[in-house]
Amino acid sequence: MPDSYTIKEILKERNLAPNKKLGQNFLIHKQTPALIVDRAEVDSEETVVELGVGLGSLTIPLAARVKKVIGIELDAGIIKWQRESGNLPGNVELIHQDLLKADFVDLAARCGGRLKIMANLPYSISNPLLFKLLDNQPVMGWATLMLQKEVAQRLTAPVGTKEYGILSVLLGACASVKTLLTVGPEQFHPRPKVDSQVVKIVFDPVPSRVQALPAHDSALLRQLVKGAFQQRRKTLLNSLFATALAGCGKATVAEILHRADIDPRTRAERLGVEDFVRLTNLVSAHLSG
């Protein structure tokens, strides 16, 4: 990969100043991308999709370790530079596309199996991408992502903490999340104001904790979890009655919570993944009955 000086020179010479609208922060420390690839434990026979190729800081060490990289990049200037410079190895296929509009089912088929993703993400699209992963759970293998530290901590937050929320529950119901490393602002150009963390989210093989959960309607689970945390300062009874279960009547919501062995006066952050799944199945039975 180019060194930090070269990256800044390339950006300056090609008028590729980091795009604030796109939230671009380029990794400039050579050791960090290699460490990310190493800790992600990629397989030499895998095809990995990289979201946001940039100047290739992560792409090049990744391509050296896997069979093929499909790189998706939105910035037309970077696409043009990459194609003219020949900076990328031969096993990298470059696609000019908005990653949030990419068809993950099609990408998984092109990869020959479940989707494996690596990305150094603009902070502004972290949440939309995480929900896109959840939407495409049936074709997801794993995703190794660079996230704002605050966002990354929400994914592994324990029950009862202020960081515990919607993504903590929804990812906890279908995947395992492991923090791989913390990356300081000095490792980027331009420097962000906060630390970043790299996490690996594994959907397949299915974690044993997820296997132990009862079968449930994942769409209804998401609806209930979003409703519960949407007004997290309210009791669970009031938040659900005001959102996801507005049409059921307050007495019915209270009854369902009691049957789920959940105190209606508690708040959303006090419920574990198992509690939300149990509640989902009781709500599903009520709605279908």
C-alpha atoms as a PDB file:
ATOM      1  CA  MET A   1       0.000   0.000   0.000  1.00  0.00           C
ATOM      2  CA  PRO A   2       1.142   3.610  -0.447  1.00  0.00           C
ATOM      3  CA  ASP A   3       2.799   5.150   2.624  1.00  0.00           C
ATOM      4  CA  SER A   4       1.226   8.091   4.459  1.00  0.00           C
ATOM      5  CA  TYR A   5       3.194  10.669   2.495  1.00  0.00           C
ATOM      6  CA  THR A   6       2.278   9.080  -0.834  1.00  0.00           C
ATOM      7  CA  ILE A   7      -1.410   8.885   0.062  1.00  0.00           C
ATOM      8  CA  LYS A   8      -1.524  12.605   0.814  1.00  0.00           C
ATOM      9  CA  GLU A   9       0.401  13.393  -2.379  1.00  0.00           C
ATOM     10  CA  ILE A  10      -1.920  11.248  -4.509  1.00  0.00           C
ATOM     11  CA  LEU A  11      -4.965  12.966  -3.048  1.00  0.00           C
ATOM     12  CA  LYS A  12      -3.439  16.400  -3.673  1.00  0.00           C
ATOM     13  CA  GLU A  13      -2.133  15.729  -7.190  1.00  0.00           C
ATOM     14  CA  ARG A  14      -5.326  14.103  -8.414  1.00  0.00           C
ATOM     15  CA  ASN A  15      -7.618  16.621  -6.720  1.00  0.00           C
ATOM     16  CA  LEU A  16      -9.019  13.832  -4.580  1.00  0.00           C
ATOM     17  CA  ALA A  17      -9.273  15.786  -1.346  1.00  0.00           C
ATOM     18  CA  PRO A  18     -11.172  13.686   1.219  1.00  0.00           C
ATOM     19  CA  ASN A  19     -14.856  14.156   0.501  1.00  0.00           C
ATOM     20  CA  LYS A  20     -16.638  15.414   3.635  1.00  0.00           C
ATOM     21  CA  LYS A  21     -20.006  14.498   2.132  1.00  0.00           C
ATOM     22  CA  LEU A  22     -18.846  10.896   1.743  1.00  0.00           C
ATOM     23  CA  GLY A  23     -17.187  10.922   5.172  1.00  0.00           C
ATOM     24  CA  GLN A  24     -13.850   9.780   3.784  1.00  0.00           C
ATOM     25  CA  ASN A  25     -10.978   9.096   6.197  1.00  0.00           C
ATOM     26  CA  PHE A  26      -8.056   7.270   4.603  1.00  0.00           C
ATOM     27  CA  LEU A  27      -5.942   4.819   6.597  1.00  0.00           C
ATOM     28  CA  ILE A  28      -2.329   5.998   6.361  1.00  0.00           C
ATOM     29  CA  HIS A  29      -0.475   3.558   8.655  1.00  0.00           C
ATOM     30  CA  LYS A  30       0.777   0.579   6.669  1.00  0.00           C
ATOM     31  CA  GLN A  31       0.791  -1.839   9.602  1.00  0.00           C
ATOM     32  CA  THR A  32      -2.859  -1.341  10.559  1.00  0.00           C
ATOM     33  CA  PRO A  33      -4.558  -2.734   7.411  1.00  0.00           C
ATOM     34  CA  ALA A  34      -2.280  -5.778   7.511  1.00  0.00           C
ATOM     35  CA  LEU A  35      -3.177  -6.283  11.191  1.00  0.00           C
ATOM     36  CA  ILE A  36      -6.898  -6.030  10.383  1.00  0.00           C
ATOM     37  CA  VAL A  37      -6.601  -8.691   7.689  1.00  0.00           C
ATOM     38  CA  ASP A  38      -4.580 -10.908  10.007  1.00  0.00           C
ATOM     39  CA  ARG A  39      -7.015 -10.666  12.912  1.00  0.00           C
ATOM     40  CA  ALA A  40     -10.015 -11.179  10.632  1.00  0.00           C
ATOM     41  CA  GLU A  41      -8.608 -14.677   9.967  1.00  0.00           C
ATOM     42  CA  VAL A  42      -9.508 -14.709   6.285  1.00  0.00           C
ATOM     43  CA  ASP A  43      -9.247 -17.922   4.290  1.00  0.00           C
ATOM     44  CA  SER A  44      -7.042 -18.213   1.210  1.00  0.00           C
ATOM     45  CA  GLU A  45      -9.909 -19.748  -0.811  1.00  0.00           C
ATOM     46  CA  GLU A  46     -12.418 -17.004   0.024  1.00  0.00           C
ATOM     47  CA  THR A  47     -13.779 -14.247  -2.175  1.00  0.00           C
ATOM     48  CA  VAL A  48     -14.211 -11.158  -0.003  1.00  0.00           C
ATOM     49  CA  VAL A  49     -16.234  -8.045  -0.815  1.00  0.00           C
ATOM     50  CA  GLU A  50     -14.570  -4.811   0.290  1.00  0.00           C
ATOM     51  CA  LEU A  51     -16.905  -1.868   0.779  1.00  0.00           C
ATOM     52  CA  GLY A  52     -15.080   1.378   0.098  1.00  0.00           C
ATOM     53  CA  VAL A  53     -11.772   0.637  -1.658  1.00  0.00           C
ATOM     54  CA  GLY A  54     -10.264   4.110  -1.403  1.00  0.00           C
ATOM     55  CA  LEU A  55      -6.595   4.129  -2.363  1.00  0.00           C
ATOM     56  CA  GLY A  56      -6.246   0.417  -1.627  1.00  0.00           C
ATOM     57  CA  SER A  57      -4.740   0.541   1.863  1.00  0.00           C
ATOM     58  CA  LEU A  58      -6.861  -2.409   3.001  1.00  0.00           C
ATOM     59  CA  THR A  59      -7.461  -3.902  -0.448  1.00  0.00           C
ATOM     60  CA  ILE A  60      -3.834  -4.728  -1.182  1.00  0.00           C
ATOM     61  CA  PRO A  61      -3.025  -6.761   1.981  1.00  0.00           C
ATOM     62  CA  LEU A  62      -6.456  -8.404   1.737  1.00  0.00           C
ATOM     63  CA  ALA A  63      -5.893  -9.438  -1.884  1.00  0.00           C
ATOM     64  CA  ALA A  64      -2.591 -11.034  -0.864  1.00  0.00           C
ATOM     65  CA  ARG A  65      -4.425 -13.342   1.553  1.00  0.00           C
ATOM     66  CA  VAL A  66      -7.610 -14.370  -0.306  1.00  0.00           C
ATOM     67  CA  LYS A  67      -8.607 -15.834  -3.652  1.00  0.00           C
ATOM     68  CA  LYS A  68     -10.394 -12.732  -4.914  1.00  0.00           C
ATOM     69  CA  VAL A  69     -11.542  -9.278  -3.763  1.00  0.00           C
ATOM     70  CA  ILE A  70     -14.633  -7.596  -5.176  1.00  0.00           C
ATOM     71  CA  GLY A  71     -14.155  -3.937  -4.327  1.00  0.00           C
ATOM     72  CA  ILE A  72     -17.086  -1.511  -4.305  1.00  0.00           C
ATOM     73  CA  GLU A  73     -16.291   2.213  -4.439  1.00  0.00           C
ATOM     74  CA  LEU A  74     -18.617   5.200  -4.832  1.00  0.00           C
ATOM     75  CA  ASP A  75     -16.062   7.953  -5.535  1.00  0.00           C
ATOM     76  CA  ALA A  76     -15.703   8.292  -9.322  1.00  0.00           C
ATOM     77  CA  GLY A  77     -12.354  10.094  -8.993  1.00  0.00           C
ATOM     78  CA  ILE A  78     -10.884   7.227  -6.986  1.00  0.00           C
ATOM     79  CA  ILE A  79     -12.246   4.669  -9.457  1.00  0.00           C
ATOM     80  CA  LYS A  80     -10.597   6.579 -12.312  1.00  0.00           C
ATOM     81  CA  TRP A  81      -7.263   6.807 -10.453  1.00  0.00           C
ATOM     82  CA  GLN A  82      -7.301   3.119  -9.532  1.00  0.00           C
ATOM     83  CA  ARG A  83      -7.962   2.065 -13.131  1.00  0.00           C
ATOM     84  CA  GLU A  84      -5.310   4.396 -14.558  1.00  0.00           C
ATOM     85  CA  SER A  85      -2.632   3.669 -11.957  1.00  0.00           C
ATOM     86  CA  GLY A  86      -2.930  -0.117 -11.942  1.00  0.00           C
ATOM     87  CA  ASN A  87      -2.434   0.121  -8.179  1.00  0.00           C
ATOM     88  CA  LEU A  88      -4.527  -2.941  -7.366  1.00  0.00           C
ATOM     89  CA  PRO A  89      -3.506  -6.603  -7.702  1.00  0.00           C
ATOM     90  CA  GLY A  90      -4.926  -8.722 -10.528  1.00  0.00           C
ATOM     91  CA  ASN A  91      -7.334 -10.611  -8.268  1.00  0.00           C
ATOM     92  CA  VAL A  92      -9.273  -7.425  -7.437  1.00  0.00           C
ATOM     93  CA  GLU A  93     -12.470  -6.639  -9.337  1.00  0.00           C
ATOM     94  CA  LEU A  94     -13.466  -2.996  -8.985  1.00  0.00           C
ATOM     95  CA  ILE A  95     -17.126  -1.907  -9.110  1.00  0.00           C
ATOM     96  CA  HIS A  96     -18.320   1.714  -9.175  1.00  0.00           C
ATOM     97  CA  GLN A  97     -21.401   1.635  -6.958  1.00  0.00           C
ATOM     98  CA  ASP A  98     -23.028   2.949  -3.786  1.00  0.00           C
ATOM     99  CA  LEU A  99     -22.504   0.133  -1.287  1.00  0.00           C
ATOM    100  CA  LEU A 100     -25.882   0.809   0.360  1.00  0.00           C
ATOM    101  CA  LYS A 101     -27.548   0.105  -2.993  1.00  0.00           C
ATOM    102  CA  ALA A 102     -25.550  -3.049  -3.700  1.00  0.00           C
ATOM    103  CA  ASP A 103     -27.484  -6.299  -4.105  1.00  0.00           C
ATOM    104  CA  PHE A 104     -26.008  -8.503  -1.380  1.00  0.00           C
ATOM    105  CA  VAL A 105     -27.878 -11.594  -2.577  1.00  0.00           C
ATOM    106  CA  ASP A 106     -26.333 -11.203  -6.034  1.00  0.00           C
ATOM    107  CA  LEU A 107     -22.903 -10.515  -4.531  1.00  0.00           C
ATOM    108  CA  ALA A 108     -23.150 -13.669  -2.411  1.00  0.00           C
ATOM    109  CA  ALA A 109     -23.968 -15.688  -5.525  1.00  0.00           C
ATOM    110  CA  ARG A 110     -20.958 -14.192  -7.318  1.00  0.00           C
ATOM    111  CA  CYS A 111     -18.789 -15.120  -4.340  1.00  0.00           C
ATOM    112  CA  GLY A 112     -19.995 -18.718  -4.544  1.00  0.00           C
ATOM    113  CA  GLY A 113     -21.456 -18.869  -1.042  1.00  0.00           C
ATOM    114  CA  ARG A 114     -22.219 -16.712   1.939  1.00  0.00           C
ATOM    115  CA  LEU A 115     -21.039 -13.133   1.789  1.00  0.00           C
ATOM    116  CA  LYS A 116     -17.778 -12.107   3.459  1.00  0.00           C
ATOM    117  CA  ILE A 117     -17.306  -8.358   3.849  1.00  0.00           C
ATOM    118  CA  MET A 118     -14.498  -6.035   4.921  1.00  0.00           C
ATOM    119  CA  ALA A 119     -14.886  -2.285   5.192  1.00  0.00           C
ATOM    120  CA  ASN A 120     -13.392   0.909   6.557  1.00  0.00           C
ATOM    121  CA  LEU A 121     -16.702   2.752   6.767  1.00  0.00           C
ATOM    122  CA  PRO A 122     -17.642   6.421   6.768  1.00  0.00           C
ATOM    123  CA  TYR A 123     -19.188   6.900  10.194  1.00  0.00           C
ATOM    124  CA  SER A 124     -22.359   8.351   8.647  1.00  0.00           C
ATOM    125  CA  ILE A 125     -23.355   5.082   6.977  1.00  0.00           C
ATOM    126  CA  SER A 126     -22.436   2.660   9.773  1.00  0.00           C
ATOM    127  CA  ASN A 127     -25.989   2.179  11.046  1.00  0.00           C
ATOM    128  CA  PRO A 128     -27.583   1.823   7.582  1.00  0.00           C
ATOM    129  CA  LEU A 129     -24.994  -0.807   6.644  1.00  0.00           C
ATOM    130  CA  LEU A 130     -25.448  -2.722   9.898  1.00  0.00           C
ATOM    131  CA  PHE A 131     -29.190  -2.912   9.261  1.00  0.00           C
ATOM    132  CA  LYS A 132     -28.475  -3.947   5.669  1.00  0.00           C
ATOM    133  CA  LEU A 133     -26.433  -6.854   7.049  1.00  0.00           C
ATOM    134  CA  LEU A 134     -29.398  -7.837   9.212  1.00  0.00           C
ATOM    135  CA  ASP A 135     -31.729  -7.596   6.214  1.00  0.00           C
ATOM    136  CA  ASN A 136     -29.447  -9.969   4.321  1.00  0.00           C
ATOM    137  CA  GLN A 137     -28.734 -12.352   7.184  1.00  0.00           C
ATOM    138  CA  PRO A 138     -29.614 -15.505   5.141  1.00  0.00           C
ATOM    139  CA  VAL A 139     -26.677 -14.845   2.769  1.00  0.00           C
ATOM    140  CA  MET A 140     -24.215 -13.414   5.301  1.00  0.00           C
ATOM    141  CA  GLY A 141     -21.100 -15.244   6.401  1.00  0.00           C
ATOM    142  CA  TRP A 142     -19.176 -12.537   8.248  1.00  0.00           C
ATOM    143  CA  ALA A 143     -18.367  -8.842   8.157  1.00  0.00           C
ATOM    144  CA  THR A 144     -15.199  -7.201   9.472  1.00  0.00           C
ATOM    145  CA  LEU A 145     -15.904  -3.492   9.875  1.00  0.00           C
ATOM    146  CA  MET A 146     -14.094  -0.363  11.008  1.00  0.00           C
ATOM    147  CA  LEU A 147     -16.613   1.625  13.034  1.00  0.00           C
ATOM    148  CA  GLN A 148     -16.672   4.653  15.286  1.00  0.00           C
ATOM    149  CA  LYS A 149     -15.734   3.293  18.706  1.00  0.00           C
ATOM    150  CA  GLU A 150     -19.028   4.440  20.211  1.00  0.00           C
ATOM    151  CA  VAL A 151     -20.984   2.496  17.567  1.00  0.00           C
ATOM    152  CA  ALA A 152     -18.795  -0.592  17.903  1.00  0.00           C
ATOM    153  CA  GLN A 153     -19.314  -0.666  21.668  1.00  0.00           C
ATOM    154  CA  ARG A 154     -23.086  -0.756  21.197  1.00  0.00           C
ATOM    155  CA  LEU A 155     -22.766  -4.039  19.330  1.00  0.00           C
ATOM    156  CA  THR A 156     -21.221  -5.840  22.305  1.00  0.00           C
ATOM    157  CA  ALA A 157     -22.814  -3.841  25.129  1.00  0.00           C
ATOM    158  CA  PRO A 158     -24.046  -5.840  28.157  1.00  0.00           C
ATOM    159  CA  VAL A 159     -27.691  -5.747  29.210  1.00  0.00           C
ATOM    160  CA  GLY A 160     -28.492  -2.792  31.468  1.00  0.00           C
ATOM    161  CA  THR A 161     -25.840  -0.406  30.158  1.00  0.00           C
ATOM    162  CA  LYS A 162     -26.541   2.877  28.381  1.00  0.00           C
ATOM    163  CA  GLU A 163     -24.801   1.530  25.259  1.00  0.00           C
ATOM    164  CA  TYR A 164     -27.139  -1.484  25.083  1.00  0.00           C
ATOM    165  CA  GLY A 165     -29.765  -0.935  22.419  1.00  0.00           C
ATOM    166  CA  ILE A 166     -31.422  -2.021  19.201  1.00  0.00           C
ATOM    167  CA  LEU A 167     -28.325  -3.342  17.428  1.00  0.00           C
ATOM    168  CA  SER A 168     -27.089  -5.079  20.604  1.00  0.00           C
ATOM    169  CA  VAL A 169     -30.273  -7.159  20.647  1.00  0.00           C
ATOM    170  CA  LEU A 170     -30.784  -7.730  16.921  1.00  0.00           C
ATOM    171  CA  LEU A 171     -27.195  -8.810  16.277  1.00  0.00           C
ATOM    172  CA  GLY A 172     -27.220 -10.842  19.481  1.00  0.00           C
ATOM    173  CA  ALA A 173     -30.148 -12.832  18.088  1.00  0.00           C
ATOM    174  CA  CYS A 174     -28.377 -13.900  14.901  1.00  0.00           C
ATOM    175  CA  ALA A 175     -24.603 -13.399  15.163  1.00  0.00           C
ATOM    176  CA  SER A 176     -21.544 -13.114  17.370  1.00  0.00           C
ATOM    177  CA  VAL A 177     -19.532  -9.884  17.575  1.00  0.00           C
ATOM    178  CA  LYS A 178     -15.850  -9.741  18.474  1.00  0.00           C
ATOM    179  CA  THR A 179     -13.709  -6.617  18.865  1.00  0.00           C
ATOM    180  CA  LEU A 180     -10.432  -7.056  16.956  1.00  0.00           C
ATOM    181  CA  LEU A 181      -8.562  -3.804  17.650  1.00  0.00           C
ATOM    182  CA  THR A 182      -8.850  -0.097  18.427  1.00  0.00           C
ATOM    183  CA  VAL A 183      -7.499   2.439  15.939  1.00  0.00           C
ATOM    184  CA  GLY A 184      -6.575   5.981  16.992  1.00  0.00           C
ATOM    185  CA  PRO A 185      -7.327   9.175  15.019  1.00  0.00           C
ATOM    186  CA  GLU A 186      -3.636   9.627  14.123  1.00  0.00           C
ATOM    187  CA  GLN A 187      -3.854   6.632  11.795  1.00  0.00           C
ATOM    188  CA  PHE A 188      -6.186   8.425   9.380  1.00  0.00           C
ATOM    189  CA  HIS A 189      -6.093  11.331   6.950  1.00  0.00           C
ATOM    190  CA  PRO A 190      -7.885  13.517   7.720  1.00  0.00           C
ATOM    191  CA  ARG A 191      -7.881  12.798  11.442  1.00  0.00           C
ATOM    192  CA  PRO A 192     -11.322  12.017  12.869  1.00  0.00           C
ATOM    193  CA  LYS A 193     -12.177  13.397  16.296  1.00  0.00           C
ATOM    194  CA  VAL A 194     -12.763   9.994  17.893  1.00  0.00           C
ATOM    195  CA  ASP A 195     -11.242   6.522  18.122  1.00  0.00           C
ATOM    196  CA  SER A 196     -12.358   3.727  15.834  1.00  0.00           C
ATOM    197  CA  GLN A 197     -12.722   0.014  16.490  1.00  0.00           C
ATOM    198  CA  VAL A 198     -12.609  -2.966  14.166  1.00  0.00           C
ATOM    199  CA  VAL A 199     -15.174  -5.661  14.867  1.00  0.00           C
ATOM    200  CA  LYS A 200     -15.910  -9.003  13.251  1.00  0.00           C
ATOM    201  CA  ILE A 201     -19.575  -9.986  13.050  1.00  0.00           C
ATOM    202  CA  VAL A 202     -20.041 -13.700  12.368  1.00  0.00           C
ATOM    203  CA  PHE A 203     -23.423 -14.919  11.105  1.00  0.00           C
ATOM    204  CA  ASP A 204     -22.268 -18.290   9.797  1.00  0.00           C
ATOM    205  CA  PRO A 205     -21.316 -20.699  11.242  1.00  0.00           C
ATOM    206  CA  VAL A 206     -24.258 -19.920  13.514  1.00  0.00           C
ATOM    207  CA  PRO A 207     -23.005 -19.191  17.056  1.00  0.00           C
ATOM    208  CA  SER A 208     -24.086 -21.773  19.659  1.00  0.00           C
ATOM    209  CA  ARG A 209     -25.865 -19.083  21.687  1.00  0.00           C
ATOM    210  CA  VAL A 210     -27.986 -18.229  18.643  1.00  0.00           C
ATOM    211  CA  GLN A 211     -28.700 -21.901  17.960  1.00  0.00           C
ATOM    212  CA  ALA A 212     -30.090 -22.205  21.476  1.00  0.00           C
ATOM    213  CA  LEU A 213     -32.718 -19.515  20.871  1.00  0.00           C
ATOM    214  CA  PRO A 214     -36.266 -20.648  19.989  1.00  0.00           C
ATOM    215  CA  ALA A 215     -37.361 -20.192  16.384  1.00  0.00           C
ATOM    216  CA  HIS A 216     -38.943 -16.771  15.965  1.00  0.00           C
ATOM    217  CA  ASP A 217     -40.158 -14.187  13.471  1.00  0.00           C
ATOM    218  CA  SER A 218     -37.112 -11.951  12.958  1.00  0.00           C
ATOM    219  CA  ALA A 219     -39.169  -9.163  11.360  1.00  0.00           C
ATOM    220  CA  LEU A 220     -41.504  -9.056  14.366  1.00  0.00           C
ATOM    221  CA  LEU A 221     -38.521  -9.177  16.719  1.00  0.00           C
ATOM    222  CA  ARG A 222     -37.067  -6.116  15.009  1.00  0.00           C
ATOM    223  CA  GLN A 223     -40.421  -4.323  15.220  1.00  0.00           C
ATOM    224  CA  LEU A 224     -40.689  -5.001  18.968  1.00  0.00           C
ATOM    225  CA  VAL A 225     -37.071  -4.135  19.733  1.00  0.00           C
ATOM    226  CA  LYS A 226     -37.266  -0.863  17.812  1.00  0.00           C
ATOM    227  CA  GLY A 227     -40.530  -0.003  19.545  1.00  0.00           C
ATOM    228  CA  ALA A 228     -39.124  -0.823  22.976  1.00  0.00           C
ATOM    229  CA  PHE A 229     -35.994   1.308  22.542  1.00  0.00           C
ATOM    230  CA  GLN A 230     -37.650   4.114  20.610  1.00  0.00           C
ATOM    231  CA  GLN A 231     -38.819   5.587  23.892  1.00  0.00           C
ATOM    232  CA  ARG A 232     -36.320   3.910  26.193  1.00  0.00           C
ATOM    233  CA  ARG A 233     -36.971   6.192  29.165  1.00  0.00           C
ATOM    234  CA  LYS A 234     -40.549   4.911  29.339  1.00  0.00           C
ATOM    235  CA  THR A 235     -41.570   1.637  30.909  1.00  0.00           C
ATOM    236  CA  LEU A 236     -41.766  -1.287  28.514  1.00  0.00           C
ATOM    237  CA  LEU A 237     -45.555  -1.323  28.810  1.00  0.00           C
ATOM    238  CA  ASN A 238     -45.841   2.311  27.756  1.00  0.00           C
ATOM    239  CA  SER A 239     -43.184   2.213  25.049  1.00  0.00           C
ATOM    240  CA  LEU A 240     -44.628  -0.883  23.352  1.00  0.00           C
ATOM    241  CA  PHE A 241     -48.191   0.375  23.671  1.00  0.00           C
ATOM    242  CA  ALA A 242     -47.141   3.660  22.043  1.00  0.00           C
ATOM    243  CA  THR A 243     -45.255   1.996  19.170  1.00  0.00           C
ATOM    244  CA  ALA A 244     -45.097  -1.631  18.061  1.00  0.00           C
ATOM    245  CA  LEU A 245     -48.265  -2.823  19.842  1.00  0.00           C
ATOM    246  CA  ALA A 246     -50.355   0.327  19.561  1.00  0.00           C
ATOM    247  CA  GLY A 247     -53.342  -1.565  18.182  1.00  0.00           C
ATOM    248  CA  CYS A 248     -53.490  -4.226  20.885  1.00  0.00           C
ATOM    249  CA  GLY A 249     -54.804  -2.232  23.841  1.00  0.00           C
ATOM    250  CA  LYS A 250     -52.815  -1.490  26.984  1.00  0.00           C
ATOM    251  CA  ALA A 251     -54.385  -4.274  29.038  1.00  0.00           C
ATOM    252  CA  THR A 252     -53.489  -6.812  26.350  1.00  0.00           C
ATOM    253  CA  VAL A 253     -49.896  -5.573  26.187  1.00  0.00           C
ATOM    254  CA  ALA A 254     -49.644  -5.877  29.973  1.00  0.00           C
ATOM    255  CA  GLU A 255     -51.036  -9.417  29.827  1.00  0.00           C
ATOM    256  CA  ILE A 256     -48.550 -10.480  27.149  1.00  0.00           C
ATOM    257  CA  LEU A 257     -45.668  -9.050  29.186  1.00  0.00           C
ATOM    258  CA  HIS A 258     -46.818 -10.929  32.286  1.00  0.00           C
ATOM    259  CA  ARG A 259     -47.057 -14.169  30.290  1.00  0.00           C
ATOM    260  CA  ALA A 260     -43.505 -13.537  29.070  1.00  0.00           C
ATOM    261  CA  ASP A 261     -42.445 -13.175  32.734  1.00  0.00           C
ATOM    262  CA  ILE A 262     -41.476  -9.547  32.080  1.00  0.00           C
ATOM    263  CA  ASP A 263     -42.335  -6.795  34.545  1.00  0.00           C
ATOM    264  CA  PRO A 264     -44.350  -4.186  32.583  1.00  0.00           C
ATOM    265  CA  ARG A 265     -42.646  -1.475  34.664  1.00  0.00           C
ATOM    266  CA  THR A 266     -39.144  -2.394  33.497  1.00  0.00           C
ATOM    267  CA  ARG A 267     -37.336  -0.634  30.667  1.00  0.00           C
ATOM    268  CA  ALA A 268     -36.032  -2.008  27.391  1.00  0.00           C
ATOM    269  CA  GLU A 269     -32.351  -2.041  28.382  1.00  0.00           C
ATOM    270  CA  ARG A 270     -33.133  -4.546  31.147  1.00  0.00           C
ATOM    271  CA  LEU A 271     -34.259  -7.250  28.706  1.00  0.00           C
ATOM    272  CA  GLY A 272     -31.792  -9.740  27.256  1.00  0.00           C
ATOM    273  CA  VAL A 273     -31.992 -11.257  23.776  1.00  0.00           C
ATOM    274  CA  GLU A 274     -33.770 -14.320  25.181  1.00  0.00           C
ATOM    275  CA  ASP A 275     -36.421 -12.091  26.788  1.00  0.00           C
ATOM    276  CA  PHE A 276     -37.122 -10.294  23.532  1.00  0.00           C
ATOM    277  CA  VAL A 277     -37.352 -13.589  21.615  1.00  0.00           C
ATOM    278  CA  ARG A 278     -39.774 -15.005  24.194  1.00  0.00           C
ATOM    279  CA  LEU A 279     -41.853 -11.835  23.976  1.00  0.00           C
ATOM    280  CA  THR A 280     -41.795 -12.007  20.163  1.00  0.00           C
ATOM    281  CA  ASN A 281     -43.212 -15.527  20.150  1.00  0.00           C
ATOM    282  CA  LEU A 282     -46.007 -14.624  22.583  1.00  0.00           C
ATOM    283  CA  VAL A 283     -46.925 -11.558  20.530  1.00  0.00           C
ATOM    284  CA  SER A 284     -46.842 -13.672  17.359  1.00  0.00           C
ATOM    285  CA  ALA A 285     -49.204 -16.220  18.961  1.00  0.00           C
ATOM    286  CA  HIS A 286     -51.559 -13.436  20.059  1.00  0.00           C
ATOM    287  CA  LEU A 287     -51.611 -11.806  16.616  1.00  0.00           C
ATOM    288  CA  SER A 288     -52.202 -15.085  14.785  1.00  0.00           C
ATOM    289  CA  GLY A 289     -54.786 -16.316  17.297  1.00  0.00           C
END
